[in-house]
C-alpha atoms as a PDB file:
ATOM      1  CA  UNK A   1     114.629  71.881  70.235  1.00  0.00           C
ATOM      2  CA  UNK A   2     112.958  75.227  69.578  1.00  0.00           C
ATOM      3  CA  UNK A   3     113.677  78.396  71.522  1.00  0.00           C
ATOM      4  CA  UNK A   4     110.265  78.157  73.231  1.00  0.00           C
ATOM      5  CA  UNK A   5     110.974  74.609  74.371  1.00  0.00           C
ATOM      6  CA  UNK A   6     114.477  75.545  75.551  1.00  0.00           C
ATOM      7  CA  UNK A   7     113.417  78.568  77.573  1.00  0.00           C
ATOM      8  CA  UNK A   8     109.931  77.552  78.695  1.00  0.00           C
ATOM      9  CA  UNK A   9     108.499  74.066  78.323  1.00  0.00           C
ATOM     10  CA  UNK A  10     111.774  72.161  78.779  1.00  0.00           C
ATOM     11  CA  UNK A  11     113.485  74.653  81.073  1.00  0.00           C
ATOM     12  CA  UNK A  12     114.343  73.149  84.505  1.00  0.00           C
ATOM     13  CA  UNK A  13     114.503  76.680  85.925  1.00  0.00           C
ATOM     14  CA  UNK A  14     110.729  77.001  85.567  1.00  0.00           C
ATOM     15  CA  UNK A  15     110.721  75.553  89.069  1.00  0.00           C
ATOM     16  CA  UNK A  16     111.177  79.228  90.024  1.00  0.00           C
ATOM     17  CA  UNK A  17     107.434  79.691  89.409  1.00  0.00           C
ATOM     18  CA  UNK A  18     106.656  77.247  92.207  1.00  0.00           C
ATOM     19  CA  UNK A  19     109.313  78.813  94.433  1.00  0.00           C
ATOM     20  CA  UNK A  20     107.899  82.314  93.963  1.00  0.00           C
ATOM     21  CA  UNK A  21     104.370  81.076  94.631  1.00  0.00           C
ATOM     22  CA  UNK A  22     105.399  79.351  97.851  1.00  0.00           C
ATOM     23  CA  UNK A  23     107.580  82.235  98.993  1.00  0.00           C
ATOM     24  CA  UNK A  24     105.147  85.094  98.387  1.00  0.00           C
ATOM     25  CA  UNK A  25     101.661  83.543  98.299  1.00  0.00           C
ATOM     26  CA  UNK A  26     101.831  80.621 100.730  1.00  0.00           C
ATOM     27  CA  UNK A  27     101.887  80.678 104.544  1.00  0.00           C
ATOM     28  CA  UNK A  28     104.310  77.754 104.383  1.00  0.00           C
ATOM     29  CA  UNK A  29     107.074  80.214 103.559  1.00  0.00           C
ATOM     30  CA  UNK A  30     107.705  80.830 107.256  1.00  0.00           C
ATOM     31  CA  UNK A  31     106.268  82.782 110.162  1.00  0.00           C
ATOM     32  CA  UNK A  32     107.366  86.157 108.803  1.00  0.00           C
ATOM     33  CA  UNK A  33     105.823  85.344 105.425  1.00  0.00           C
ATOM     34  CA  UNK A  34     102.558  84.446 107.186  1.00  0.00           C
ATOM     35  CA  UNK A  35     102.523  87.793 108.983  1.00  0.00           C
ATOM     36  CA  UNK A  36     103.166  89.693 105.735  1.00  0.00           C
ATOM     37  CA  UNK A  37     100.440  87.731 103.919  1.00  0.00           C
ATOM     38  CA  UNK A  38      97.972  88.429 106.729  1.00  0.00           C
ATOM     39  CA  UNK A  39      98.840  92.144 106.616  1.00  0.00           C
ATOM     40  CA  UNK A  40      98.360  92.345 102.854  1.00  0.00           C
ATOM     41  CA  UNK A  41      95.085  90.424 103.146  1.00  0.00           C
ATOM     42  CA  UNK A  42      93.767  92.951 105.670  1.00  0.00           C
ATOM     43  CA  UNK A  43      94.871  95.841 103.423  1.00  0.00           C
ATOM     44  CA  UNK A  44      93.200  94.190 100.434  1.00  0.00           C
ATOM     45  CA  UNK A  45      89.935  93.726 102.330  1.00  0.00           C
ATOM     46  CA  UNK A  46      90.122  97.379 103.353  1.00  0.00           C
ATOM     47  CA  UNK A  47      90.579  98.409  99.715  1.00  0.00           C
ATOM     48  CA  UNK A  48      87.612  96.320  98.584  1.00  0.00           C
ATOM     49  CA  UNK A  49      85.437  97.669 101.414  1.00  0.00           C
ATOM     50  CA  UNK A  50      86.378 101.261 100.576  1.00  0.00           C
ATOM     51  CA  UNK A  51      85.678 100.788  96.858  1.00  0.00           C
ATOM     52  CA  UNK A  52      82.329  99.178  97.637  1.00  0.00           C
ATOM     53  CA  UNK A  53      81.356 101.912 100.080  1.00  0.00           C
ATOM     54  CA  UNK A  54      82.112 104.624  97.487  1.00  0.00           C
ATOM     55  CA  UNK A  55      81.270 102.505  94.468  1.00  0.00           C
ATOM     56  CA  UNK A  56      79.425 105.230  92.561  1.00  0.00           C
ATOM     57  CA  UNK A  57      82.444 107.548  92.879  1.00  0.00           C
ATOM     58  CA  UNK A  58      85.167 104.870  92.620  1.00  0.00           C
ATOM     59  CA  UNK A  59      86.755 105.424  89.223  1.00  0.00           C
ATOM     60  CA  UNK A  60      88.339 102.056  88.287  1.00  0.00           C
ATOM     61  CA  UNK A  61      91.178 103.829  86.503  1.00  0.00           C
ATOM     62  CA  UNK A  62      92.288 105.176  89.890  1.00  0.00           C
ATOM     63  CA  UNK A  63      92.624 101.569  91.042  1.00  0.00           C
ATOM     64  CA  UNK A  64      94.801 100.938  87.984  1.00  0.00           C
ATOM     65  CA  UNK A  65      96.974 103.860  89.150  1.00  0.00           C
ATOM     66  CA  UNK A  66      97.315 102.174  92.550  1.00  0.00           C
ATOM     67  CA  UNK A  67      98.121  98.855  90.893  1.00  0.00           C
ATOM     68  CA  UNK A  68     100.809 100.516  88.772  1.00  0.00           C
ATOM     69  CA  UNK A  69     102.389 101.994  91.893  1.00  0.00           C
ATOM     70  CA  UNK A  70     102.526  98.552  93.506  1.00  0.00           C
ATOM     71  CA  UNK A  71     103.958  97.075  90.305  1.00  0.00           C
ATOM     72  CA  UNK A  72     106.689  99.704  90.497  1.00  0.00           C
ATOM     73  CA  UNK A  73     107.783  98.644  93.986  1.00  0.00           C
ATOM     74  CA  UNK A  74     106.994  94.916  94.027  1.00  0.00           C
ATOM     75  CA  UNK A  75     109.484  93.647  91.371  1.00  0.00           C
ATOM     76  CA  UNK A  76     112.577  95.223  93.012  1.00  0.00           C
ATOM     77  CA  UNK A  77     111.523  93.716  96.346  1.00  0.00           C
ATOM     78  CA  UNK A  78     111.096  90.269  94.773  1.00  0.00           C
ATOM     79  CA  UNK A  79     113.967  90.182  92.293  1.00  0.00           C
ATOM     80  CA  UNK A  80     116.869  92.257  93.602  1.00  0.00           C
ATOM     81  CA  UNK A  81     118.487  89.052  94.878  1.00  0.00           C
ATOM     82  CA  UNK A  82     117.494  86.855  91.939  1.00  0.00           C
ATOM     83  CA  UNK A  83     121.100  86.612  90.696  1.00  0.00           C
ATOM     84  CA  UNK A  84     123.112  88.831  93.029  1.00  0.00           C
ATOM     85  CA  UNK A  85     121.607  86.949  95.971  1.00  0.00           C
ATOM     86  CA  UNK A  86     122.707  83.646  94.461  1.00  0.00           C
ATOM     87  CA  UNK A  87     126.266  84.970  94.434  1.00  0.00           C
ATOM     88  CA  UNK A  88     126.007  86.100  98.056  1.00  0.00           C
ATOM     89  CA  UNK A  89     124.668  82.702  99.155  1.00  0.00           C
ATOM     90  CA  UNK A  90     127.443  80.922  97.248  1.00  0.00           C
ATOM     91  CA  UNK A  91     124.798  78.989  95.304  1.00  0.00           C
ATOM     92  CA  UNK A  92     125.647  80.634  91.989  1.00  0.00           C
ATOM     93  CA  UNK A  93     128.479  78.197  91.345  1.00  0.00           C
ATOM     94  CA  UNK A  94     126.029  75.300  91.653  1.00  0.00           C
ATOM     95  CA  UNK A  95     123.815  76.884  89.017  1.00  0.00           C
ATOM     96  CA  UNK A  96     126.784  77.312  86.689  1.00  0.00           C
ATOM     97  CA  UNK A  97     127.638  73.611  86.800  1.00  0.00           C
ATOM     98  CA  UNK A  98     123.983  72.533  86.525  1.00  0.00           C
ATOM     99  CA  UNK A  99     122.686  71.420  83.097  1.00  0.00           C
ATOM    100  CA  UNK A 100     121.062  74.801  82.417  1.00  0.00           C
ATOM    101  CA  UNK A 101     122.179  77.700  80.270  1.00  0.00           C
ATOM    102  CA  UNK A 102     122.436  81.332  81.302  1.00  0.00           C
ATOM    103  CA  UNK A 103     119.390  82.110  79.167  1.00  0.00           C
ATOM    104  CA  UNK A 104     117.396  79.436  80.988  1.00  0.00           C
ATOM    105  CA  UNK A 105     118.410  80.887  84.362  1.00  0.00           C
ATOM    106  CA  UNK A 106     117.272  84.367  83.358  1.00  0.00           C
ATOM    107  CA  UNK A 107     114.062  83.036  81.792  1.00  0.00           C
ATOM    108  CA  UNK A 108     113.225  81.019  84.911  1.00  0.00           C
ATOM    109  CA  UNK A 109     113.776  83.942  87.286  1.00  0.00           C
ATOM    110  CA  UNK A 110     111.747  86.205  85.025  1.00  0.00           C
ATOM    111  CA  UNK A 111     108.880  83.715  84.600  1.00  0.00           C
ATOM    112  CA  UNK A 112     108.544  83.242  88.356  1.00  0.00           C
ATOM    113  CA  UNK A 113     108.276  86.989  88.917  1.00  0.00           C
ATOM    114  CA  UNK A 114     105.827  87.514  86.044  1.00  0.00           C
ATOM    115  CA  UNK A 115     103.500  84.811  87.388  1.00  0.00           C
ATOM    116  CA  UNK A 116     103.606  86.467  90.820  1.00  0.00           C
ATOM    117  CA  UNK A 117     102.846  89.793  89.125  1.00  0.00           C
ATOM    118  CA  UNK A 118      99.866  88.338  87.247  1.00  0.00           C
ATOM    119  CA  UNK A 119      98.494  86.815  90.464  1.00  0.00           C
ATOM    120  CA  UNK A 120      98.714  90.265  92.067  1.00  0.00           C
ATOM    121  CA  UNK A 121      96.932  91.785  89.060  1.00  0.00           C
ATOM    122  CA  UNK A 122      94.157  89.194  89.416  1.00  0.00           C
ATOM    123  CA  UNK A 123      93.468  90.417  92.958  1.00  0.00           C
ATOM    124  CA  UNK A 124      92.888  93.924  91.610  1.00  0.00           C
ATOM    125  CA  UNK A 125      90.277  92.729  89.115  1.00  0.00           C
ATOM    126  CA  UNK A 126      87.571  92.509  91.794  1.00  0.00           C
ATOM    127  CA  UNK A 127      87.693  96.172  92.944  1.00  0.00           C
ATOM    128  CA  UNK A 128      88.094  97.226  89.302  1.00  0.00           C
ATOM    129  CA  UNK A 129      84.963  95.225  88.417  1.00  0.00           C
ATOM    130  CA  UNK A 130      83.046  97.023  91.179  1.00  0.00           C
ATOM    131  CA  UNK A 131      83.986 100.342  89.592  1.00  0.00           C
ATOM    132  CA  UNK A 132      83.001  99.127  86.127  1.00  0.00           C
ATOM    133  CA  UNK A 133      79.552  98.116  87.367  1.00  0.00           C
ATOM    134  CA  UNK A 134      78.757 101.121  89.552  1.00  0.00           C
ATOM    135  CA  UNK A 135      80.903 104.128  88.575  1.00  0.00           C
ATOM    136  CA  UNK A 136      78.207 106.377  87.151  1.00  0.00           C
ATOM    137  CA  UNK A 137      80.056 108.956  85.000  1.00  0.00           C
ATOM    138  CA  UNK A 138      81.364 106.373  82.529  1.00  0.00           C
ATOM    139  CA  UNK A 139      80.424 102.823  83.495  1.00  0.00           C
ATOM    140  CA  UNK A 140      76.980 103.042  85.068  1.00  0.00           C
ATOM    141  CA  UNK A 141      73.574 102.828  83.430  1.00  0.00           C
ATOM    142  CA  UNK A 142      73.276 106.543  82.654  1.00  0.00           C
ATOM    143  CA  UNK A 143      75.964 107.028  79.944  1.00  0.00           C
ATOM    144  CA  UNK A 144      75.412 106.185  76.311  1.00  0.00           C
ATOM    145  CA  UNK A 145      76.615 102.867  74.948  1.00  0.00           C
ATOM    146  CA  UNK A 146      79.284 104.649  72.887  1.00  0.00           C
ATOM    147  CA  UNK A 147      80.710 106.421  75.929  1.00  0.00           C
ATOM    148  CA  UNK A 148      80.640 103.234  78.002  1.00  0.00           C
ATOM    149  CA  UNK A 149      82.362 101.211  75.278  1.00  0.00           C
ATOM    150  CA  UNK A 150      85.061 103.846  74.847  1.00  0.00           C
ATOM    151  CA  UNK A 151      85.622 103.999  78.608  1.00  0.00           C
ATOM    152  CA  UNK A 152      85.833 100.213  78.931  1.00  0.00           C
ATOM    153  CA  UNK A 153      88.335 100.029  76.089  1.00  0.00           C
ATOM    154  CA  UNK A 154      90.421 102.755  77.699  1.00  0.00           C
ATOM    155  CA  UNK A 155      90.291 100.876  81.016  1.00  0.00           C
ATOM    156  CA  UNK A 156      91.399  97.637  79.362  1.00  0.00           C
ATOM    157  CA  UNK A 157      94.227  99.486  77.644  1.00  0.00           C
ATOM    158  CA  UNK A 158      95.255 101.063  80.949  1.00  0.00           C
ATOM    159  CA  UNK A 159      95.246  97.667  82.690  1.00  0.00           C
ATOM    160  CA  UNK A 160      97.454  96.184  79.968  1.00  0.00           C
ATOM    161  CA  UNK A 161      99.790  99.188  80.208  1.00  0.00           C
ATOM    162  CA  UNK A 162     100.040  98.696  83.978  1.00  0.00           C
ATOM    163  CA  UNK A 163     100.865  94.983  83.633  1.00  0.00           C
ATOM    164  CA  UNK A 164     103.450  95.506  80.881  1.00  0.00           C
ATOM    165  CA  UNK A 165     105.068  98.249  82.976  1.00  0.00           C
ATOM    166  CA  UNK A 166     105.360  95.770  85.842  1.00  0.00           C
ATOM    167  CA  UNK A 167     106.891  93.220  83.474  1.00  0.00           C
ATOM    168  CA  UNK A 168     109.433  95.812  82.361  1.00  0.00           C
ATOM    169  CA  UNK A 169     110.350  96.597  85.987  1.00  0.00           C
ATOM    170  CA  UNK A 170     110.856  92.840  86.548  1.00  0.00           C
ATOM    171  CA  UNK A 171     113.253  92.652  83.595  1.00  0.00           C
ATOM    172  CA  UNK A 172     115.020  95.835  84.717  1.00  0.00           C
ATOM    173  CA  UNK A 173     115.552  94.473  88.240  1.00  0.00           C
ATOM    174  CA  UNK A 174     116.936  91.180  86.899  1.00  0.00           C
ATOM    175  CA  UNK A 175     119.337  93.197  84.762  1.00  0.00           C
ATOM    176  CA  UNK A 176     120.615  95.140  87.781  1.00  0.00           C
ATOM    177  CA  UNK A 177     120.808  91.930  89.810  1.00  0.00           C
ATOM    178  CA  UNK A 178     122.963  90.389  87.074  1.00  0.00           C
ATOM    179  CA  UNK A 179     125.193  93.448  86.991  1.00  0.00           C
ATOM    180  CA  UNK A 180     125.731  93.695  90.754  1.00  0.00           C
ATOM    181  CA  UNK A 181     127.432  91.288  93.114  1.00  0.00           C
ATOM    182  CA  UNK A 182     125.227  92.078  96.108  1.00  0.00           C
ATOM    183  CA  UNK A 183     121.455  92.109  96.314  1.00  0.00           C
ATOM    184  CA  UNK A 184     121.333  95.301  98.370  1.00  0.00           C
ATOM    185  CA  UNK A 185     123.280  97.160  95.683  1.00  0.00           C
ATOM    186  CA  UNK A 186     120.968  95.785  92.975  1.00  0.00           C
ATOM    187  CA  UNK A 187     117.930  96.944  94.985  1.00  0.00           C
ATOM    188  CA  UNK A 188     119.410 100.415  95.371  1.00  0.00           C
ATOM    189  CA  UNK A 189     120.267 100.638  91.667  1.00  0.00           C
ATOM    190  CA  UNK A 190     116.768  99.562  90.585  1.00  0.00           C
ATOM    191  CA  UNK A 191     114.998 101.916  93.007  1.00  0.00           C
ATOM    192  CA  UNK A 192     117.365 104.741  92.102  1.00  0.00           C
ATOM    193  CA  UNK A 193     116.620 104.282  88.413  1.00  0.00           C
ATOM    194  CA  UNK A 194     112.863 104.252  89.052  1.00  0.00           C
ATOM    195  CA  UNK A 195     112.945 107.264  91.379  1.00  0.00           C
ATOM    196  CA  UNK A 196     115.039 109.171  88.874  1.00  0.00           C
ATOM    197  CA  UNK A 197     112.752 108.338  85.969  1.00  0.00           C
ATOM    198  CA  UNK A 198     109.380 108.654  87.686  1.00  0.00           C
ATOM    199  CA  UNK A 199     109.975 111.518  90.136  1.00  0.00           C
ATOM    200  CA  UNK A 200     113.200 113.445  89.523  1.00  0.00           C
ATOM    201  CA  UNK A 201     112.842 113.660  85.736  1.00  0.00           C
ATOM    202  CA  UNK A 202     109.283 115.115  85.773  1.00  0.00           C
ATOM    203  CA  UNK A 203     110.309 117.578  88.499  1.00  0.00           C
ATOM    204  CA  UNK A 204     113.273 118.750  86.420  1.00  0.00           C
ATOM    205  CA  UNK A 205     111.067 119.140  83.367  1.00  0.00           C
ATOM    206  CA  UNK A 206     108.522 121.126  85.356  1.00  0.00           C
ATOM    207  CA  UNK A 207     111.211 123.324  86.882  1.00  0.00           C
ATOM    208  CA  UNK A 208     112.815 124.022  83.512  1.00  0.00           C
ATOM    209  CA  UNK A 209     109.511 124.787  81.871  1.00  0.00           C
ATOM    210  CA  UNK A 210     109.491 121.550  79.860  1.00  0.00           C
ATOM    211  CA  UNK A 211     108.159 123.183  76.724  1.00  0.00           C
ATOM    212  CA  UNK A 212     104.517 122.967  75.819  1.00  0.00           C
ATOM    213  CA  UNK A 213     102.151 120.740  73.940  1.00  0.00           C
ATOM    214  CA  UNK A 214     104.025 118.098  71.994  1.00  0.00           C
ATOM    215  CA  UNK A 215     107.352 118.574  73.821  1.00  0.00           C
ATOM    216  CA  UNK A 216     106.028 117.929  77.325  1.00  0.00           C
ATOM    217  CA  UNK A 217     104.211 114.798  76.140  1.00  0.00           C
ATOM    218  CA  UNK A 218     107.263 113.518  74.323  1.00  0.00           C
ATOM    219  CA  UNK A 219     109.530 114.076  77.341  1.00  0.00           C
ATOM    220  CA  UNK A 220     107.156 112.028  79.493  1.00  0.00           C
ATOM    221  CA  UNK A 221     106.458 109.366  76.874  1.00  0.00           C
ATOM    222  CA  UNK A 222     107.906 106.509  78.972  1.00  0.00           C
ATOM    223  CA  UNK A 223     106.205 107.616  82.202  1.00  0.00           C
ATOM    224  CA  UNK A 224     103.389 105.118  82.985  1.00  0.00           C
ATOM    225  CA  UNK A 225     101.493 107.435  85.331  1.00  0.00           C
ATOM    226  CA  UNK A 226     101.619 110.275  82.826  1.00  0.00           C
ATOM    227  CA  UNK A 227     100.304 107.927  80.136  1.00  0.00           C
ATOM    228  CA  UNK A 228      97.466 106.677  82.367  1.00  0.00           C
ATOM    229  CA  UNK A 229      96.521 110.244  83.282  1.00  0.00           C
ATOM    230  CA  UNK A 230      96.379 111.280  79.639  1.00  0.00           C
ATOM    231  CA  UNK A 231      94.321 108.207  78.744  1.00  0.00           C
ATOM    232  CA  UNK A 232      91.788 108.890  81.502  1.00  0.00           C
ATOM    233  CA  UNK A 233      91.593 112.675  81.686  1.00  0.00           C
ATOM    234  CA  UNK A 234      92.518 113.663  78.124  1.00  0.00           C
ATOM    235  CA  UNK A 235      88.924 114.026  76.968  1.00  0.00           C
ATOM    236  CA  UNK A 236      88.062 114.788  73.330  1.00  0.00           C
ATOM    237  CA  UNK A 237      87.154 118.342  74.383  1.00  0.00           C
ATOM    238  CA  UNK A 238      90.637 118.888  75.798  1.00  0.00           C
ATOM    239  CA  UNK A 239      92.876 121.295  73.920  1.00  0.00           C
ATOM    240  CA  UNK A 240      95.627 118.670  73.804  1.00  0.00           C
ATOM    241  CA  UNK A 241      93.402 115.771  72.764  1.00  0.00           C
ATOM    242  CA  UNK A 242      95.339 115.493  69.499  1.00  0.00           C
ATOM    243  CA  UNK A 243      98.186 113.909  71.495  1.00  0.00           C
ATOM    244  CA  UNK A 244      96.038 111.059  72.818  1.00  0.00           C
ATOM    245  CA  UNK A 245      97.428 108.708  70.167  1.00  0.00           C
ATOM    246  CA  UNK A 246     100.804 108.888  71.932  1.00  0.00           C
ATOM    247  CA  UNK A 247      99.556 107.065  75.030  1.00  0.00           C
ATOM    248  CA  UNK A 248      98.411 103.521  75.553  1.00  0.00           C
ATOM    249  CA  UNK A 249      99.453 101.039  72.908  1.00  0.00           C
ATOM    250  CA  UNK A 250     102.760 102.820  72.097  1.00  0.00           C
ATOM    251  CA  UNK A 251     103.887 102.477  75.736  1.00  0.00           C
ATOM    252  CA  UNK A 252     102.701  98.862  75.890  1.00  0.00           C
ATOM    253  CA  UNK A 253     104.785  98.005  72.835  1.00  0.00           C
ATOM    254  CA  UNK A 254     107.841  99.914  74.126  1.00  0.00           C
ATOM    255  CA  UNK A 255     107.687  98.240  77.558  1.00  0.00           C
ATOM    256  CA  UNK A 256     107.600  94.787  75.948  1.00  0.00           C
ATOM    257  CA  UNK A 257     110.558  95.600  73.696  1.00  0.00           C
ATOM    258  CA  UNK A 258     112.564  97.106  76.567  1.00  0.00           C
ATOM    259  CA  UNK A 259     111.839  94.026  78.689  1.00  0.00           C
ATOM    260  CA  UNK A 260     113.345  91.817  75.993  1.00  0.00           C
ATOM    261  CA  UNK A 261     116.379  94.130  75.755  1.00  0.00           C
ATOM    262  CA  UNK A 262     116.948  94.070  79.532  1.00  0.00           C
ATOM    263  CA  UNK A 263     116.675  90.270  79.682  1.00  0.00           C
ATOM    264  CA  UNK A 264     119.028  89.856  76.730  1.00  0.00           C
ATOM    265  CA  UNK A 265     121.517  92.256  78.315  1.00  0.00           C
ATOM    266  CA  UNK A 266     121.304  90.372  81.623  1.00  0.00           C
ATOM    267  CA  UNK A 267     121.977  87.055  79.859  1.00  0.00           C
ATOM    268  CA  UNK A 268     124.906  88.611  78.015  1.00  0.00           C
ATOM    269  CA  UNK A 269     126.345  89.816  81.332  1.00  0.00           C
ATOM    270  CA  UNK A 270     126.242  86.289  82.772  1.00  0.00           C
ATOM    271  CA  UNK A 271     128.393  84.926  79.935  1.00  0.00           C
ATOM    272  CA  UNK A 272     131.502  86.544  81.383  1.00  0.00           C
ATOM    273  CA  UNK A 273     133.441  84.330  83.746  1.00  0.00           C
ATOM    274  CA  UNK A 274     134.121  86.973  86.397  1.00  0.00           C
ATOM    275  CA  UNK A 275     130.559  88.355  86.305  1.00  0.00           C
ATOM    276  CA  UNK A 276     131.988  91.800  86.909  1.00  0.00           C
ATOM    277  CA  UNK A 277     131.218  93.593  83.673  1.00  0.00           C
ATOM    278  CA  UNK A 278     131.132  97.314  84.360  1.00  0.00           C
ATOM    279  CA  UNK A 279     128.531  99.726  83.049  1.00  0.00           C
ATOM    280  CA  UNK A 280     131.350 101.921  81.795  1.00  0.00           C
ATOM    281  CA  UNK A 281     134.332  99.770  80.784  1.00  0.00           C
ATOM    282  CA  UNK A 282     137.779 100.962  81.746  1.00  0.00           C
ATOM    283  CA  UNK A 283     139.898 102.335  78.906  1.00  0.00           C
ATOM    284  CA  UNK A 284     142.605 100.017  77.686  1.00  0.00           C
ATOM    285  CA  UNK A 285     146.171 100.880  78.567  1.00  0.00           C
ATOM    286  CA  UNK A 286     148.202 102.203  75.689  1.00  0.00           C
END
């Protein structure tokens, strides 16, 4: 049996896809779930109405920014209890004796979250399409075909960057959930990591001066919002346009690689019998 068959096509844990769909996208998940779905539906309709009302000024890349923000917060909310929660509910022992491997457990949890993420991304395609059709500076009928093609390619690249960032956050949250014994601690660790990387780190760089030109771009290389901003507002006439090659596909590739590393590290953590591997191991007694 190939690795693809083991982890995907023949993996019993792919039932997690159905569980995620029912839990987060079906009113059959309970009364509270129905209320949350109704609230999000109203918010979504409000977003679509606002984009339509200001369609000639609605830059679709701004919607990608909003999507990226949601993809930063949604995975920790969905996945902080993916493994740590199983331990709290005492159902982890049942998974250990089931005919599934640790890799299949991680792959199933990850696949369920990624499908939920892609469904969320699909909802954003409609307001983005409105911007593509009506946003005059780059997507309307007035710009040249070269400008429109370049803008559409940049938008597609930004959308892919946003989705791969969300996938990375899913893998990161599963890693913290595997490393922690309680879901609340895993949620705090994931949010703390994201707040530190997306807010505290740029503030520290700005306070310290952060260098100029190449240095400031390099220090913010992993920052998805920085990358999206450079892709959208780093015009060819900009003095720093020579750094545009640093943003877009490089981040997409790095996010995919880091996702694989986080998932592999999570699976490695689950191999230990006590499931209490520390981030910093204690020194051995002499």
